C-alpha atoms as a PDB file:
ATOM      1  CA  MET A   1      -1.124  -1.702  23.642  1.00  0.00           C
ATOM      2  CA  PRO A   2      -2.783  -3.867  20.492  1.00  0.00           C
ATOM      3  CA  GLN A   3      -1.505  -7.971  20.862  1.00  0.00           C
ATOM      4  CA  ARG A   4       1.183  -9.281  18.869  1.00  0.00           C
ATOM      5  CA  PRO A   5      -0.279 -10.624  15.304  1.00  0.00           C
ATOM      6  CA  SER A   6       0.376 -14.376  15.514  1.00  0.00           C
ATOM      7  CA  SER A   7       3.250 -15.755  13.596  1.00  0.00           C
ATOM      8  CA  GLU A   8       1.767 -16.867  11.189  1.00  0.00           C
ATOM      9  CA  SER A   9      -0.158 -13.416   9.629  1.00  0.00           C
ATOM     10  CA  LEU A  10       2.917 -11.560   9.896  1.00  0.00           C
ATOM     11  CA  CYS A  11       4.392 -14.320   7.504  1.00  0.00           C
ATOM     12  CA  LYS A  12       1.791 -13.845   5.260  1.00  0.00           C
ATOM     13  CA  VAL A  13       2.912 -10.429   5.428  1.00  0.00           C
ATOM     14  CA  ASP A  14       6.514 -10.760   4.951  1.00  0.00           C
ATOM     15  CA  ARG A  15       5.780 -13.323   1.692  1.00  0.00           C
ATOM     16  CA  LEU A  16       3.397 -10.352   0.688  1.00  0.00           C
ATOM     17  CA  ILE A  17       5.781  -7.796   0.730  1.00  0.00           C
ATOM     18  CA  ALA A  18       8.367 -10.011  -0.856  1.00  0.00           C
ATOM     19  CA  GLY A  19       6.026 -10.390  -3.370  1.00  0.00           C
ATOM     20  CA  TYR A  20       5.268  -7.271  -4.110  1.00  0.00           C
ATOM     21  CA  THR A  21       7.976  -4.852  -4.187  1.00  0.00           C
ATOM     22  CA  LYS A  22       9.914  -7.569  -6.498  1.00  0.00           C
ATOM     23  CA  LYS A  23       6.904  -6.937  -8.528  1.00  0.00           C
ATOM     24  CA  SER A  24       6.070  -3.618  -8.834  1.00  0.00           C
ATOM     25  CA  GLY A  25      10.248  -2.387  -8.405  1.00  0.00           C
ATOM     26  CA  THR A  26       9.504  -0.416  -5.104  1.00  0.00           C
ATOM     27  CA  VAL A  27      11.387  -1.189  -2.198  1.00  0.00           C
ATOM     28  CA  THR A  28      10.136  -0.785   1.485  1.00  0.00           C
ATOM     29  CA  HIS A  29      10.558   2.247   3.868  1.00  0.00           C
ATOM     30  CA  PRO A  30      14.131   3.233   4.470  1.00  0.00           C
ATOM     31  CA  GLY A  31      12.905   3.763   8.395  1.00  0.00           C
ATOM     32  CA  PRO A  32      12.648   0.040   9.293  1.00  0.00           C
ATOM     33  CA  GLU A  33      10.116   1.318  12.022  1.00  0.00           C
ATOM     34  CA  VAL A  34       7.855   2.614   9.265  1.00  0.00           C
ATOM     35  CA  THR A  35       7.636  -0.535   8.073  1.00  0.00           C
ATOM     36  CA  GLU A  36       7.568  -2.642  10.903  1.00  0.00           C
ATOM     37  CA  SER A  37       4.624  -0.380  11.408  1.00  0.00           C
ATOM     38  CA  VAL A  38       2.484  -0.958   8.554  1.00  0.00           C
ATOM     39  CA  ARG A  39       3.639  -4.667   8.688  1.00  0.00           C
ATOM     40  CA  LEU A  40       2.260  -4.944  12.223  1.00  0.00           C
ATOM     41  CA  GLY A  41      -1.051  -3.080  11.456  1.00  0.00           C
ATOM     42  CA  LEU A  42      -1.550  -5.243   8.131  1.00  0.00           C
ATOM     43  CA  ALA A  43      -0.596  -8.496  10.723  1.00  0.00           C
ATOM     44  CA  ARG A  44      -3.147  -7.391  13.091  1.00  0.00           C
ATOM     45  CA  HIS A  45      -6.007  -7.279  10.636  1.00  0.00           C
ATOM     46  CA  ILE A  46      -5.299 -10.634   8.692  1.00  0.00           C
ATOM     47  CA  ASP A  47      -5.631 -12.030  12.358  1.00  0.00           C
ATOM     48  CA  GLU A  48      -8.701  -9.972  12.655  1.00  0.00           C
ATOM     49  CA  LEU A  49     -10.389 -10.066   9.853  1.00  0.00           C
ATOM     50  CA  GLY A  50      -8.930 -12.531   7.363  1.00  0.00           C
ATOM     51  CA  LYS A  51      -7.800  -9.809   5.046  1.00  0.00           C
ATOM     52  CA  ALA A  52      -4.755  -7.258   4.600  1.00  0.00           C
ATOM     53  CA  LEU A  53      -6.739  -4.486   5.213  1.00  0.00           C
ATOM     54  CA  CYS A  54      -4.589  -1.244   5.234  1.00  0.00           C
ATOM     55  CA  PRO A  55      -3.744  -0.294   8.754  1.00  0.00           C
ATOM     56  CA  CYS A  56      -3.507   3.395   7.269  1.00  0.00           C
ATOM     57  CA  ARG A  57      -6.974   4.215   7.071  1.00  0.00           C
ATOM     58  CA  PHE A  58      -9.989   4.824   9.415  1.00  0.00           C
ATOM     59  CA  TYR A  59     -13.247   2.893   8.335  1.00  0.00           C
ATOM     60  CA  PRO A  60     -16.329   2.807  10.226  1.00  0.00           C
ATOM     61  CA  ASP A  61     -16.775  -0.550   9.403  1.00  0.00           C
ATOM     62  CA  LYS A  62     -13.327  -2.764   8.247  1.00  0.00           C
ATOM     63  CA  GLN A  63     -15.969  -5.704   7.467  1.00  0.00           C
ATOM     64  CA  ALA A  64     -17.602  -3.292   4.341  1.00  0.00           C
ATOM     65  CA  GLU A  65     -14.176  -2.739   3.548  1.00  0.00           C
ATOM     66  CA  VAL A  66     -13.073  -5.577   3.378  1.00  0.00           C
ATOM     67  CA  GLN A  67     -16.053  -6.970   1.264  1.00  0.00           C
ATOM     68  CA  HIS A  68     -15.468  -3.899  -0.702  1.00  0.00           C
ATOM     69  CA  ARG A  69     -11.789  -5.042  -0.951  1.00  0.00           C
ATOM     70  CA  THR A  70     -10.064  -1.195  -1.995  1.00  0.00           C
ATOM     71  CA  TRP A  71      -8.140  -1.004   0.809  1.00  0.00           C
ATOM     72  CA  ILE A  72      -7.003  -4.636   1.202  1.00  0.00           C
ATOM     73  CA  CYS A  73      -3.021  -4.639   1.032  1.00  0.00           C
ATOM     74  CA  PRO A  74      -1.707  -3.698  -2.168  1.00  0.00           C
ATOM     75  CA  CYS A  75      -4.591  -1.684  -2.888  1.00  0.00           C
ATOM     76  CA  ASP A  76      -6.209   0.392  -5.587  1.00  0.00           C
ATOM     77  CA  ASP A  77      -4.057   3.176  -4.891  1.00  0.00           C
ATOM     78  CA  MET A  78      -1.286   1.185  -5.626  1.00  0.00           C
ATOM     79  CA  GLN A  79      -2.547  -1.037  -7.988  1.00  0.00           C
ATOM     80  CA  VAL A  80      -4.023   2.128 -10.079  1.00  0.00           C
ATOM     81  CA  TYR A  81      -1.708   4.193  -9.893  1.00  0.00           C
ATOM     82  CA  LYS A  82       1.163   3.239  -7.957  1.00  0.00           C
ATOM     83  CA  TYR A  83       0.961   5.376  -4.759  1.00  0.00           C
ATOM     84  CA  CYS A  84       1.181   4.138  -1.088  1.00  0.00           C
ATOM     85  CA  GLN A  85       0.074   5.830   1.987  1.00  0.00           C
ATOM     86  CA  CYS A  86       1.032   3.673   4.407  1.00  0.00           C
ATOM     87  CA  LEU A  87       4.821   4.418   2.703  1.00  0.00           C
ATOM     88  CA  LEU A  88       5.435   0.380   2.617  1.00  0.00           C
ATOM     89  CA  PHE A  89       6.421   0.432  -0.696  1.00  0.00           C
ATOM     90  CA  VAL A  90       8.338   3.329  -1.655  1.00  0.00           C
ATOM     91  CA  THR A  91      11.171   4.705  -3.817  1.00  0.00           C
ATOM     92  CA  LYS A  92      14.976   4.024  -2.540  1.00  0.00           C
ATOM     93  CA  GLU A  93      14.837   7.559  -1.172  1.00  0.00           C
ATOM     94  CA  GLY A  94      12.154   6.556   1.184  1.00  0.00           C
ATOM     95  CA  LEU A  95       8.836   8.557  -1.053  1.00  0.00           C
ATOM     96  CA  PRO A  96       5.772   7.010  -2.190  1.00  0.00           C
ATOM     97  CA  VAL A  97       5.531   7.391  -6.389  1.00  0.00           C
ATOM     98  CA  THR A  98       3.225  10.598  -7.113  1.00  0.00           C
ATOM     99  CA  GLU A  99       3.770  10.376 -11.064  1.00  0.00           C
ATOM    100  CA  TYR A 100       0.635   8.970 -12.047  1.00  0.00           C
ATOM    101  CA  LEU A 101      -1.666  10.392  -8.957  1.00  0.00           C
ATOM    102  CA  PRO A 102      -4.197  13.298 -11.027  1.00  0.00           C
ATOM    103  CA  PRO A 103      -3.086  16.695 -10.185  1.00  0.00           C
ATOM    104  CA  ASP A 104      -5.452  17.395  -7.169  1.00  0.00           C
ATOM    105  CA  HIS A 105      -4.526  14.426  -5.196  1.00  0.00           C
ATOM    106  CA  GLU A 106      -3.093  15.033  -1.791  1.00  0.00           C
ATOM    107  CA  GLY A 107      -0.403  13.177  -2.054  1.00  0.00           C
ATOM    108  CA  ARG A 108       0.823  15.178  -5.317  1.00  0.00           C
ATOM    109  CA  ASP A 109      -0.059  18.157  -2.398  1.00  0.00           C
ATOM    110  CA  ALA A 110       2.350  16.162   0.195  1.00  0.00           C
ATOM    111  CA  TYR A 111       5.065  14.921  -1.435  1.00  0.00           C
ATOM    112  CA  GLY A 112       5.462  16.740  -5.207  1.00  0.00           C
ATOM    113  CA  LEU A 113       6.079  15.159  -8.642  1.00  0.00           C
ATOM    114  CA  VAL A 114       7.867  11.635  -7.730  1.00  0.00           C
ATOM    115  CA  PRO A 115       8.541   9.925 -10.789  1.00  0.00           C
ATOM    116  CA  ASP A 116       8.202   6.006 -11.203  1.00  0.00           C
ATOM    117  CA  PRO A 117      12.175   4.486 -10.644  1.00  0.00           C
ATOM    118  CA  THR A 118      10.509   1.576 -12.206  1.00  0.00           C
ATOM    119  CA  PRO A 119       8.347   2.598 -14.670  1.00  0.00           C
ATOM    120  CA  GLY A 120       7.842  -1.154 -17.209  1.00  0.00           C
ATOM    121  CA  GLN A 121       6.561  -2.341 -13.285  1.00  0.00           C
ATOM    122  CA  GLY A 122       3.172  -2.602 -11.056  1.00  0.00           C
ATOM    123  CA  ARG A 123       0.229  -0.738 -12.026  1.00  0.00           C
ATOM    124  CA  PRO A 124      -1.435  -3.574 -13.341  1.00  0.00           C
ATOM    125  CA  LEU A 125      -4.979  -2.160 -12.597  1.00  0.00           C
ATOM    126  CA  ARG A 126      -3.160   1.582 -14.690  1.00  0.00           C
ATOM    127  CA  HIS A 127      -6.048   1.257 -17.001  1.00  0.00           C
ATOM    128  CA  LYS A 128      -9.015   1.946 -14.237  1.00  0.00           C
ATOM    129  CA  ALA A 129      -6.506   5.802 -13.562  1.00  0.00           C
ATOM    130  CA  GLU A 130      -7.572   6.218 -17.582  1.00  0.00           C
ATOM    131  CA  GLU A 131     -11.807   5.476 -16.387  1.00  0.00           C
ATOM    132  CA  ARG A 132     -11.577   7.331 -13.209  1.00  0.00           C
ATOM    133  CA  SER A 133     -10.789  10.660 -15.053  1.00  0.00           C
ATOM    134  CA  SER A 134     -13.061  10.395 -17.547  1.00  0.00           C
END
């Protein structure tokens, strides 16, 4: 079993989660075990790497991913599409927003079309969605 993350890293993650749910208009997953698993993974990565690297992905080289920044929480998918693969930032029903994803995205296949309940919040990098589709 992995070592428990430091209190300092857990506090950082708690602040990140509280701030980003408010900013994005999302909530944490209604299943406490889902939220806690992601929370602990993010905190472990802060202890190990100095950054809250998404714990729901496999990285051949975590340090390279930290330098690239795509998967540092809140990741690019969350900031562009408001889609959280980890299910940390979701709707009150516990579903990730899929409304803004490209139609062929795996999230759309898995969850169908999940509308954004707070379309005026979140997606600070929404302009990149248009860049990626052209």
